[in-house]
Each structure stands twice: as structure tokens, then as C-alpha cells.
Amino acid sequence: MSTQLKILVGLIFTLLTCIPLAAVAINDLGMPNAPAGSTRMEERAASLAGRDIQTGAEAFGNYCASCHGKQGEGIPSVAPALNRKDLFDGRRQKDVGWSGSAAGFLKNTIAAGRPVRSRPDLYSVTMPTWSPPGTPRHSPTPGPSPTPAPTRQGVNASCQNVPAQFVGKKSPFAATNAAALAEGKKTYDEKCAACHGTGGQGNGPAAGSLNPKPATFTDKAYMQGLPVDCHFFRISEGVQGTGMPPWRSLGENAIWQVLIYERQFAGVGLGPQ
């Protein structure tokens, strides 16, 4: 085969290779002078952004709507509206002296929470911290299957798998400790009553937007099946799949005070510890 023929065959093979690649590129990116319209790559990017919005909507419904309303309209006496232009156009950030972007301000507020209420005269709920807990991550290396924990008799299903660090925790306060009950009531009224109701009946002003509904502390059968260690765990770490957020930032003493106050609604006390 002559040199010229070899070159010609090589060019043909190169051309045959480039044609499908060019077709894929045109399909994804569009032609340089193509009419205005979305390319496949732009459509994919929009699809991914849509998934992020859907994920955010689900998280908002699970964790935020109970206080801020299903559409971010706010709930009177509970928490302010979020569907306000000033939160997104920079005016609110300017008012509070935030030097970063509006997105950074919102992200920081969600992550850090609002430990001090800016308008306690208008809103009763203190926003908790939503940043991931600083616990060490488990190694992804697979290991032997753990031995299942023994079934706890007479205990609610949600309390069958309490993490080891919470199992057996005991209250430093007696169930009848008047000072602890008074502090527990104060914290409960500020942070819990919006969902669970001032009388512990699960009928607070934010309860209507929650699914599942908040726990009813006046239900004696339910409370008898809620061991103290599980009750402490649920307050501290929240309950996945519900609107109950983690309240570990309160500190252990405050959690215990709230716990004994909640248990007095059904008169179950602390039980054996």
C-alpha cells in the first residue's frame, strides 16, 4: 500500500470517529449560531437544580413549616414570615450589619440557629441549630453485622433502638422538684408549646401543619411506654421524619427540667431509674 493510500485511509477513519463525537457535542451544547433555546446540557443543569429545590422543599416541610408556615407565611406569635423580599434583596442583611451575601446570611442563620430571639415580644419560638452535629463519622469499611439490641418490653416502638450513649441515663432532678419543674415549664412554654400545646395535648398553633402530629404528653399509655432515657434522647437529638428538631443546645440540665415537666402532664413521673 502506497504512502498516499495509507494517509487517505487514516483520514477516513479519523473522520468516521469525529462525526459521532460532533453529533453528541451538537446535541449537548447546541450549534454556535443556533436559535435561542435550552441545550441538552442546560436542561440537565435545570433538572439537577429542580432536584435540589425539591429536596429543600421536603426539608422545609419536615423541619421549618411547623413554625414558619407551609408557604413561609409565618405563624402569628410563633415565628416570622420568610416569604419576604427584604430577606433576599439585601435589605435585611444591611439592617443587621451583615457584610456577606444574602445567601450566606440565610445559610448561616439556618446552620447556627437563633439562640437569642430578636423579637420576643412577637414570637415565642427560639430557632434551633440546624448544622450537622459534630460527631465523628463511622468508617465506610464494612464490618460484621452488629448484634441486635434486646427488645425492651412495654416500650414504644420508637424507643427500641436508643443509641448506647443514652441508654440508662437518669435524671439528676426528682419528678417533684419544684424549682426544676418551674424552669422546665419556662423552657417548655418558650420552645415546645408552639407544637405540643401549653397543656401537652399536641395541639399547639404550629401542630396543624405537622405530619405526623406532635406527641401528646397527656396520653398516659403513650408516656408509660416512653422510658426516661428514650425521652431524653428524643428531646436532645430530635426525631427523624417528624417536625421535632434537636434541642441538645439547651444543655443536659435544661433538657431534664423540660422532661420532668412534660411527664407531669400524664402523671407518670420518672419511673424506675
C-alpha atoms as a PDB file:
ATOM      1  CA  MET A   1       0.000   0.000   0.000  1.00  0.00           C
ATOM      2  CA  SER A   2       1.412   3.361  -1.039  1.00  0.00           C
ATOM      3  CA  THR A   3       2.034   6.152   1.445  1.00  0.00           C
ATOM      4  CA  GLN A   4      -0.678   8.284  -0.139  1.00  0.00           C
ATOM      5  CA  LEU A   5      -3.229   5.469   0.247  1.00  0.00           C
ATOM      6  CA  LYS A   6      -2.304   4.940   3.873  1.00  0.00           C
ATOM      7  CA  ILE A   7      -2.802   8.653   4.578  1.00  0.00           C
ATOM      8  CA  LEU A   8      -6.178   8.567   2.831  1.00  0.00           C
ATOM      9  CA  VAL A   9      -7.353   5.541   4.878  1.00  0.00           C
ATOM     10  CA  GLY A  10      -6.200   7.239   8.081  1.00  0.00           C
ATOM     11  CA  LEU A  11      -8.117  10.396   7.262  1.00  0.00           C
ATOM     12  CA  ILE A  12     -11.255   8.385   6.537  1.00  0.00           C
ATOM     13  CA  PHE A  13     -11.048   6.577   9.906  1.00  0.00           C
ATOM     14  CA  THR A  14     -10.431   9.879  11.701  1.00  0.00           C
ATOM     15  CA  LEU A  15     -13.438  11.426  10.017  1.00  0.00           C
ATOM     16  CA  LEU A  16     -15.652   8.460  10.906  1.00  0.00           C
ATOM     17  CA  THR A  17     -14.555   8.803  14.548  1.00  0.00           C
ATOM     18  CA  CYS A  18     -15.177  12.543  14.734  1.00  0.00           C
ATOM     19  CA  ILE A  19     -18.655  12.531  13.181  1.00  0.00           C
ATOM     20  CA  PRO A  20     -20.428  10.789  16.132  1.00  0.00           C
ATOM     21  CA  LEU A  21     -18.463  12.880  18.654  1.00  0.00           C
ATOM     22  CA  ALA A  22     -19.525  16.037  16.854  1.00  0.00           C
ATOM     23  CA  ALA A  23     -23.133  14.865  16.842  1.00  0.00           C
ATOM     24  CA  VAL A  24     -23.023  14.332  20.626  1.00  0.00           C
ATOM     25  CA  ALA A  25     -21.449  17.744  21.163  1.00  0.00           C
ATOM     26  CA  ILE A  26     -24.044  19.475  18.973  1.00  0.00           C
ATOM     27  CA  ASN A  27     -26.814  17.657  20.811  1.00  0.00           C
ATOM     28  CA  ASP A  28     -25.481  18.675  24.240  1.00  0.00           C
ATOM     29  CA  LEU A  29     -24.142  22.161  23.566  1.00  0.00           C
ATOM     30  CA  GLY A  30     -26.056  23.340  20.539  1.00  0.00           C
ATOM     31  CA  MET A  31     -24.648  24.994  17.444  1.00  0.00           C
ATOM     32  CA  PRO A  32     -22.835  28.321  17.898  1.00  0.00           C
ATOM     33  CA  ASN A  33     -25.400  30.177  15.762  1.00  0.00           C
ATOM     34  CA  ALA A  34     -28.420  28.104  16.783  1.00  0.00           C
ATOM     35  CA  PRO A  35     -31.669  29.904  17.657  1.00  0.00           C
ATOM     36  CA  ALA A  36     -32.197  30.852  21.297  1.00  0.00           C
ATOM     37  CA  GLY A  37     -33.341  27.912  23.407  1.00  0.00           C
ATOM     38  CA  SER A  38     -32.148  25.447  26.017  1.00  0.00           C
ATOM     39  CA  THR A  39     -29.424  22.982  25.106  1.00  0.00           C
ATOM     40  CA  ARG A  40     -29.469  19.468  26.496  1.00  0.00           C
ATOM     41  CA  MET A  41     -26.714  20.393  28.944  1.00  0.00           C
ATOM     42  CA  GLU A  42     -28.700  23.396  30.155  1.00  0.00           C
ATOM     43  CA  GLU A  43     -31.750  21.191  30.527  1.00  0.00           C
ATOM     44  CA  ARG A  44     -29.754  18.739  32.616  1.00  0.00           C
ATOM     45  CA  ALA A  45     -28.460  21.545  34.825  1.00  0.00           C
ATOM     46  CA  ALA A  46     -32.018  22.793  35.288  1.00  0.00           C
ATOM     47  CA  SER A  47     -33.123  19.273  36.169  1.00  0.00           C
ATOM     48  CA  LEU A  48     -30.430  18.996  38.845  1.00  0.00           C
ATOM     49  CA  ALA A  49     -31.399  22.406  40.231  1.00  0.00           C
ATOM     50  CA  GLY A  50     -35.009  21.219  40.329  1.00  0.00           C
ATOM     51  CA  ARG A  51     -33.993  18.209  42.385  1.00  0.00           C
ATOM     52  CA  ASP A  52     -32.187  20.481  44.860  1.00  0.00           C
ATOM     53  CA  ILE A  53     -35.316  22.614  45.159  1.00  0.00           C
ATOM     54  CA  GLN A  54     -37.446  19.510  45.734  1.00  0.00           C
ATOM     55  CA  THR A  55     -35.064  18.271  48.427  1.00  0.00           C
ATOM     56  CA  GLY A  56     -35.132  21.685  50.060  1.00  0.00           C
ATOM     57  CA  ALA A  57     -38.926  21.740  49.941  1.00  0.00           C
ATOM     58  CA  GLU A  58     -39.097  18.378  51.687  1.00  0.00           C
ATOM     59  CA  ALA A  59     -36.683  19.526  54.393  1.00  0.00           C
ATOM     60  CA  PHE A  60     -38.638  22.765  54.831  1.00  0.00           C
ATOM     61  CA  GLY A  61     -41.891  20.831  55.195  1.00  0.00           C
ATOM     62  CA  ASN A  62     -40.368  18.470  57.754  1.00  0.00           C
ATOM     63  CA  TYR A  63     -38.430  20.943  59.881  1.00  0.00           C
ATOM     64  CA  CYS A  64     -39.425  24.553  59.179  1.00  0.00           C
ATOM     65  CA  ALA A  65     -43.097  24.744  58.214  1.00  0.00           C
ATOM     66  CA  SER A  66     -44.262  23.934  61.735  1.00  0.00           C
ATOM     67  CA  CYS A  67     -43.070  27.379  62.855  1.00  0.00           C
ATOM     68  CA  HIS A  68     -42.780  29.446  59.656  1.00  0.00           C
ATOM     69  CA  GLY A  69     -45.888  28.151  57.846  1.00  0.00           C
ATOM     70  CA  LYS A  70     -46.260  25.871  54.818  1.00  0.00           C
ATOM     71  CA  GLN A  71     -45.591  28.698  52.371  1.00  0.00           C
ATOM     72  CA  GLY A  72     -43.196  30.640  54.573  1.00  0.00           C
ATOM     73  CA  GLU A  73     -46.004  32.992  55.519  1.00  0.00           C
ATOM     74  CA  GLY A  74     -45.131  32.809  59.225  1.00  0.00           C
ATOM     75  CA  ILE A  75     -47.345  31.841  62.149  1.00  0.00           C
ATOM     76  CA  PRO A  76     -48.543  34.638  64.450  1.00  0.00           C
ATOM     77  CA  SER A  77     -46.929  34.542  67.910  1.00  0.00           C
ATOM     78  CA  VAL A  78     -44.726  31.593  66.831  1.00  0.00           C
ATOM     79  CA  ALA A  79     -42.194  32.632  64.143  1.00  0.00           C
ATOM     80  CA  PRO A  80     -41.872  35.314  61.437  1.00  0.00           C
ATOM     81  CA  ALA A  81     -42.622  35.046  57.727  1.00  0.00           C
ATOM     82  CA  LEU A  82     -39.870  34.002  55.328  1.00  0.00           C
ATOM     83  CA  ASN A  83     -41.591  34.893  52.044  1.00  0.00           C
ATOM     84  CA  ARG A  84     -40.361  38.492  52.326  1.00  0.00           C
ATOM     85  CA  LYS A  85     -38.390  40.313  49.662  1.00  0.00           C
ATOM     86  CA  ASP A  86     -36.085  42.006  52.172  1.00  0.00           C
ATOM     87  CA  LEU A  87     -34.538  38.631  53.094  1.00  0.00           C
ATOM     88  CA  PHE A  88     -33.373  38.113  49.516  1.00  0.00           C
ATOM     89  CA  ASP A  89     -32.632  41.569  48.119  1.00  0.00           C
ATOM     90  CA  GLY A  90     -30.041  42.532  50.753  1.00  0.00           C
ATOM     91  CA  ARG A  91     -32.091  44.965  52.837  1.00  0.00           C
ATOM     92  CA  ARG A  92     -32.322  42.701  55.880  1.00  0.00           C
ATOM     93  CA  GLN A  93     -28.600  41.932  55.752  1.00  0.00           C
ATOM     94  CA  LYS A  94     -27.840  45.655  55.600  1.00  0.00           C
ATOM     95  CA  ASP A  95     -30.092  46.324  58.590  1.00  0.00           C
ATOM     96  CA  VAL A  96     -28.240  43.808  60.780  1.00  0.00           C
ATOM     97  CA  GLY A  97     -24.772  44.724  59.515  1.00  0.00           C
ATOM     98  CA  TRP A  98     -24.093  41.515  57.573  1.00  0.00           C
ATOM     99  CA  SER A  99     -21.249  42.108  55.121  1.00  0.00           C
ATOM    100  CA  GLY A 100     -21.659  38.901  53.087  1.00  0.00           C
ATOM    101  CA  SER A 101     -24.230  37.818  50.549  1.00  0.00           C
ATOM    102  CA  ALA A 102     -27.923  37.262  51.176  1.00  0.00           C
ATOM    103  CA  ALA A 103     -27.462  33.544  50.513  1.00  0.00           C
ATOM    104  CA  GLY A 104     -24.611  33.398  53.027  1.00  0.00           C
ATOM    105  CA  PHE A 105     -26.719  35.187  55.623  1.00  0.00           C
ATOM    106  CA  LEU A 106     -29.589  32.720  55.225  1.00  0.00           C
ATOM    107  CA  LYS A 107     -27.267  29.712  55.260  1.00  0.00           C
ATOM    108  CA  ASN A 108     -25.514  30.965  58.391  1.00  0.00           C
ATOM    109  CA  THR A 109     -28.822  31.634  60.145  1.00  0.00           C
ATOM    110  CA  ILE A 110     -30.107  28.139  59.366  1.00  0.00           C
ATOM    111  CA  ALA A 111     -26.863  26.480  60.436  1.00  0.00           C
ATOM    112  CA  ALA A 112     -26.312  28.471  63.639  1.00  0.00           C
ATOM    113  CA  GLY A 113     -29.937  28.983  64.655  1.00  0.00           C
ATOM    114  CA  ARG A 114     -31.143  31.962  66.645  1.00  0.00           C
ATOM    115  CA  PRO A 115     -30.217  31.300  70.289  1.00  0.00           C
ATOM    116  CA  VAL A 116     -31.423  34.798  71.218  1.00  0.00           C
ATOM    117  CA  ARG A 117     -34.838  35.871  69.934  1.00  0.00           C
ATOM    118  CA  SER A 118     -34.721  39.269  68.263  1.00  0.00           C
ATOM    119  CA  ARG A 119     -38.432  39.932  68.887  1.00  0.00           C
ATOM    120  CA  PRO A 120     -39.551  38.012  71.996  1.00  0.00           C
ATOM    121  CA  ASP A 121     -42.496  40.376  72.184  1.00  0.00           C
ATOM    122  CA  LEU A 122     -43.830  38.968  68.902  1.00  0.00           C
ATOM    123  CA  TYR A 123     -42.570  35.387  68.577  1.00  0.00           C
ATOM    124  CA  SER A 124     -42.427  32.595  71.156  1.00  0.00           C
ATOM    125  CA  VAL A 125     -40.134  30.088  69.429  1.00  0.00           C
ATOM    126  CA  THR A 126     -36.337  30.153  69.514  1.00  0.00           C
ATOM    127  CA  MET A 127     -34.837  28.776  66.290  1.00  0.00           C
ATOM    128  CA  PRO A 128     -32.635  25.744  66.992  1.00  0.00           C
ATOM    129  CA  THR A 129     -29.255  24.990  65.446  1.00  0.00           C
ATOM    130  CA  TRP A 130     -29.614  23.007  62.204  1.00  0.00           C
ATOM    131  CA  SER A 131     -25.947  22.410  61.396  1.00  0.00           C
ATOM    132  CA  PRO A 132     -24.887  18.741  61.389  1.00  0.00           C
ATOM    133  CA  PRO A 133     -23.763  17.562  64.830  1.00  0.00           C
ATOM    134  CA  GLY A 134     -20.000  17.416  65.244  1.00  0.00           C
ATOM    135  CA  THR A 135     -19.899  13.715  65.892  1.00  0.00           C
ATOM    136  CA  PRO A 136     -17.177  11.612  64.256  1.00  0.00           C
ATOM    137  CA  ARG A 137     -18.203   9.756  61.121  1.00  0.00           C
ATOM    138  CA  HIS A 138     -18.135   5.974  61.072  1.00  0.00           C
ATOM    139  CA  SER A 139     -15.703   4.328  58.693  1.00  0.00           C
ATOM    140  CA  PRO A 140     -17.341   3.161  55.451  1.00  0.00           C
ATOM    141  CA  THR A 141     -15.348  -0.060  55.653  1.00  0.00           C
ATOM    142  CA  PRO A 142     -17.883  -2.859  56.116  1.00  0.00           C
ATOM    143  CA  GLY A 143     -17.577  -4.912  59.262  1.00  0.00           C
ATOM    144  CA  PRO A 144     -19.508  -7.656  60.995  1.00  0.00           C
ATOM    145  CA  SER A 145     -23.213  -7.095  61.487  1.00  0.00           C
ATOM    146  CA  PRO A 146     -23.948  -5.752  64.976  1.00  0.00           C
ATOM    147  CA  THR A 147     -25.780  -7.911  67.421  1.00  0.00           C
ATOM    148  CA  PRO A 148     -29.397  -6.697  67.596  1.00  0.00           C
ATOM    149  CA  ALA A 149     -30.285  -4.984  70.844  1.00  0.00           C
ATOM    150  CA  PRO A 150     -32.683  -6.958  73.010  1.00  0.00           C
ATOM    151  CA  THR A 151     -36.327  -5.973  72.754  1.00  0.00           C
ATOM    152  CA  ARG A 152     -37.427  -3.618  75.527  1.00  0.00           C
ATOM    153  CA  GLN A 153     -40.698  -4.909  76.895  1.00  0.00           C
ATOM    154  CA  GLY A 154     -43.574  -2.467  77.299  1.00  0.00           C
ATOM    155  CA  VAL A 155     -41.725   0.249  75.398  1.00  0.00           C
ATOM    156  CA  ASN A 156     -42.948   2.250  72.394  1.00  0.00           C
ATOM    157  CA  ALA A 157     -41.585   1.024  69.063  1.00  0.00           C
ATOM    158  CA  SER A 158     -39.678   4.277  68.514  1.00  0.00           C
ATOM    159  CA  CYS A 159     -37.709   3.623  71.699  1.00  0.00           C
ATOM    160  CA  GLN A 160     -36.443   0.148  70.822  1.00  0.00           C
ATOM    161  CA  ASN A 161     -33.139   1.382  69.369  1.00  0.00           C
ATOM    162  CA  VAL A 162     -31.919   4.165  71.625  1.00  0.00           C
ATOM    163  CA  PRO A 163     -28.192   4.882  70.982  1.00  0.00           C
ATOM    164  CA  ALA A 164     -25.881   3.359  73.549  1.00  0.00           C
ATOM    165  CA  GLN A 165     -24.731   6.702  74.949  1.00  0.00           C
ATOM    166  CA  PHE A 166     -28.303   7.478  76.020  1.00  0.00           C
ATOM    167  CA  VAL A 167     -29.331   4.067  77.367  1.00  0.00           C
ATOM    168  CA  GLY A 168     -29.816   4.131  81.122  1.00  0.00           C
ATOM    169  CA  LYS A 169     -29.495   7.903  81.554  1.00  0.00           C
ATOM    170  CA  LYS A 170     -31.012   9.082  84.814  1.00  0.00           C
ATOM    171  CA  SER A 171     -32.464  12.408  85.813  1.00  0.00           C
ATOM    172  CA  PRO A 172     -30.500  14.472  88.339  1.00  0.00           C
ATOM    173  CA  PHE A 173     -33.817  16.003  89.404  1.00  0.00           C
ATOM    174  CA  ALA A 174     -36.684  14.354  91.233  1.00  0.00           C
ATOM    175  CA  ALA A 175     -40.003  14.353  89.400  1.00  0.00           C
ATOM    176  CA  THR A 176     -41.444  16.566  92.159  1.00  0.00           C
ATOM    177  CA  ASN A 177     -38.582  19.079  92.294  1.00  0.00           C
ATOM    178  CA  ALA A 178     -40.493  22.366  92.275  1.00  0.00           C
ATOM    179  CA  ALA A 179     -37.583  24.514  91.097  1.00  0.00           C
ATOM    180  CA  ALA A 180     -36.751  22.143  88.244  1.00  0.00           C
ATOM    181  CA  LEU A 181     -40.420  21.955  87.224  1.00  0.00           C
ATOM    182  CA  ALA A 182     -40.631  25.756  87.185  1.00  0.00           C
ATOM    183  CA  GLU A 183     -37.553  26.011  84.938  1.00  0.00           C
ATOM    184  CA  GLY A 184     -38.888  23.184  82.779  1.00  0.00           C
ATOM    185  CA  LYS A 185     -42.201  24.987  82.330  1.00  0.00           C
ATOM    186  CA  LYS A 186     -40.408  28.183  81.336  1.00  0.00           C
ATOM    187  CA  THR A 187     -38.355  26.404  78.671  1.00  0.00           C
ATOM    188  CA  TYR A 188     -41.329  24.326  77.533  1.00  0.00           C
ATOM    189  CA  ASP A 189     -43.526  27.396  77.062  1.00  0.00           C
ATOM    190  CA  GLU A 190     -40.786  29.100  75.022  1.00  0.00           C
ATOM    191  CA  LYS A 191     -39.681  26.231  72.822  1.00  0.00           C
ATOM    192  CA  CYS A 192     -42.165  23.350  72.928  1.00  0.00           C
ATOM    193  CA  ALA A 193     -45.671  24.696  73.410  1.00  0.00           C
ATOM    194  CA  ALA A 194     -45.899  26.010  69.831  1.00  0.00           C
ATOM    195  CA  CYS A 195     -46.160  22.392  68.661  1.00  0.00           C
ATOM    196  CA  HIS A 196     -47.119  20.355  71.718  1.00  0.00           C
ATOM    197  CA  GLY A 197     -49.567  22.879  73.199  1.00  0.00           C
ATOM    198  CA  THR A 198     -49.421  24.631  76.542  1.00  0.00           C
ATOM    199  CA  GLY A 199     -51.266  21.697  78.139  1.00  0.00           C
ATOM    200  CA  GLY A 200     -49.199  18.989  76.437  1.00  0.00           C
ATOM    201  CA  GLN A 201     -52.099  17.831  74.258  1.00  0.00           C
ATOM    202  CA  GLY A 202     -50.225  18.112  70.947  1.00  0.00           C
ATOM    203  CA  ASN A 203     -52.445  20.968  69.788  1.00  0.00           C
ATOM    204  CA  GLY A 204     -50.120  23.978  69.663  1.00  0.00           C
ATOM    205  CA  PRO A 205     -50.599  26.656  66.979  1.00  0.00           C
ATOM    206  CA  ALA A 206     -47.968  25.013  64.759  1.00  0.00           C
ATOM    207  CA  ALA A 207     -49.361  21.475  65.128  1.00  0.00           C
ATOM    208  CA  GLY A 208     -51.824  21.812  62.254  1.00  0.00           C
ATOM    209  CA  SER A 209     -49.022  21.887  59.670  1.00  0.00           C
ATOM    210  CA  LEU A 210     -47.190  18.852  61.039  1.00  0.00           C
ATOM    211  CA  ASN A 211     -47.441  15.282  59.788  1.00  0.00           C
ATOM    212  CA  PRO A 212     -47.082  13.216  61.897  1.00  0.00           C
ATOM    213  CA  LYS A 213     -48.642  15.244  64.660  1.00  0.00           C
ATOM    214  CA  PRO A 214     -46.650  16.236  67.764  1.00  0.00           C
ATOM    215  CA  ALA A 215     -46.530  13.838  70.698  1.00  0.00           C
ATOM    216  CA  THR A 216     -49.381  14.111  73.211  1.00  0.00           C
ATOM    217  CA  PHE A 217     -47.919  14.196  76.711  1.00  0.00           C
ATOM    218  CA  THR A 218     -51.322  13.790  78.344  1.00  0.00           C
ATOM    219  CA  ASP A 219     -51.666  10.276  76.849  1.00  0.00           C
ATOM    220  CA  LYS A 220     -50.777   8.153  79.877  1.00  0.00           C
ATOM    221  CA  ALA A 221     -50.392   4.890  77.942  1.00  0.00           C
ATOM    222  CA  TYR A 222     -48.004   6.532  75.490  1.00  0.00           C
ATOM    223  CA  MET A 223     -45.996   8.203  78.243  1.00  0.00           C
ATOM    224  CA  GLN A 224     -45.730   4.971  80.231  1.00  0.00           C
ATOM    225  CA  GLY A 225     -44.153   3.408  77.142  1.00  0.00           C
ATOM    226  CA  LEU A 226     -41.668   6.284  76.840  1.00  0.00           C
ATOM    227  CA  PRO A 227     -38.704   5.428  79.100  1.00  0.00           C
ATOM    228  CA  VAL A 228     -36.789   8.312  80.597  1.00  0.00           C
ATOM    229  CA  ASP A 229     -33.634   7.583  78.604  1.00  0.00           C
ATOM    230  CA  CYS A 230     -35.569   7.492  75.321  1.00  0.00           C
ATOM    231  CA  HIS A 231     -37.473  10.645  76.263  1.00  0.00           C
ATOM    232  CA  PHE A 232     -34.153  12.420  76.911  1.00  0.00           C
ATOM    233  CA  PHE A 233     -32.752  11.122  73.602  1.00  0.00           C
ATOM    234  CA  ARG A 234     -35.756  12.382  71.633  1.00  0.00           C
ATOM    235  CA  ILE A 235     -35.518  15.878  73.122  1.00  0.00           C
ATOM    236  CA  SER A 236     -31.752  16.063  72.686  1.00  0.00           C
ATOM    237  CA  GLU A 237     -31.435  14.653  69.168  1.00  0.00           C
ATOM    238  CA  GLY A 238     -34.873  15.255  67.662  1.00  0.00           C
ATOM    239  CA  VAL A 239     -36.979  12.656  65.870  1.00  0.00           C
ATOM    240  CA  GLN A 240     -36.234  11.888  62.235  1.00  0.00           C
ATOM    241  CA  GLY A 241     -39.178  12.039  59.870  1.00  0.00           C
ATOM    242  CA  THR A 242     -41.099  14.453  62.094  1.00  0.00           C
ATOM    243  CA  GLY A 243     -41.042  18.169  62.845  1.00  0.00           C
ATOM    244  CA  MET A 244     -39.217  17.566  66.144  1.00  0.00           C
ATOM    245  CA  PRO A 245     -35.791  19.270  65.936  1.00  0.00           C
ATOM    246  CA  PRO A 246     -32.763  18.518  68.132  1.00  0.00           C
ATOM    247  CA  TRP A 247     -32.534  20.597  71.303  1.00  0.00           C
ATOM    248  CA  ARG A 248     -29.117  19.452  72.538  1.00  0.00           C
ATOM    249  CA  SER A 249     -28.015  23.096  72.559  1.00  0.00           C
ATOM    250  CA  LEU A 250     -30.165  23.619  75.660  1.00  0.00           C
ATOM    251  CA  GLY A 251     -27.724  21.571  77.743  1.00  0.00           C
ATOM    252  CA  GLU A 252     -28.476  18.472  79.803  1.00  0.00           C
ATOM    253  CA  ASN A 253     -29.917  20.194  82.871  1.00  0.00           C
ATOM    254  CA  ALA A 254     -32.454  22.170  80.832  1.00  0.00           C
ATOM    255  CA  ILE A 255     -33.422  19.028  78.910  1.00  0.00           C
ATOM    256  CA  TRP A 256     -34.019  17.132  82.158  1.00  0.00           C
ATOM    257  CA  GLN A 257     -36.116  20.001  83.509  1.00  0.00           C
ATOM    258  CA  VAL A 258     -38.264  20.035  80.365  1.00  0.00           C
ATOM    259  CA  LEU A 259     -38.517  16.256  80.507  1.00  0.00           C
ATOM    260  CA  ILE A 260     -39.900  16.065  84.039  1.00  0.00           C
ATOM    261  CA  TYR A 261     -42.293  18.903  83.222  1.00  0.00           C
ATOM    262  CA  GLU A 262     -43.591  17.051  80.154  1.00  0.00           C
ATOM    263  CA  ARG A 263     -44.026  13.825  82.121  1.00  0.00           C
ATOM    264  CA  GLN A 264     -46.134  15.528  84.772  1.00  0.00           C
ATOM    265  CA  PHE A 265     -48.900  16.116  82.202  1.00  0.00           C
ATOM    266  CA  ALA A 266     -49.732  12.404  82.378  1.00  0.00           C
ATOM    267  CA  GLY A 267     -48.602  11.960  85.968  1.00  0.00           C
ATOM    268  CA  VAL A 268     -46.158   9.184  85.077  1.00  0.00           C
ATOM    269  CA  GLY A 269     -43.147  10.571  86.934  1.00  0.00           C
ATOM    270  CA  LEU A 270     -39.731   9.169  86.170  1.00  0.00           C
ATOM    271  CA  GLY A 271     -40.481   5.508  86.853  1.00  0.00           C
ATOM    272  CA  PRO A 272     -37.670   3.139  87.859  1.00  0.00           C
ATOM    273  CA  GLN A 273     -34.214   4.563  87.094  1.00  0.00           C
END
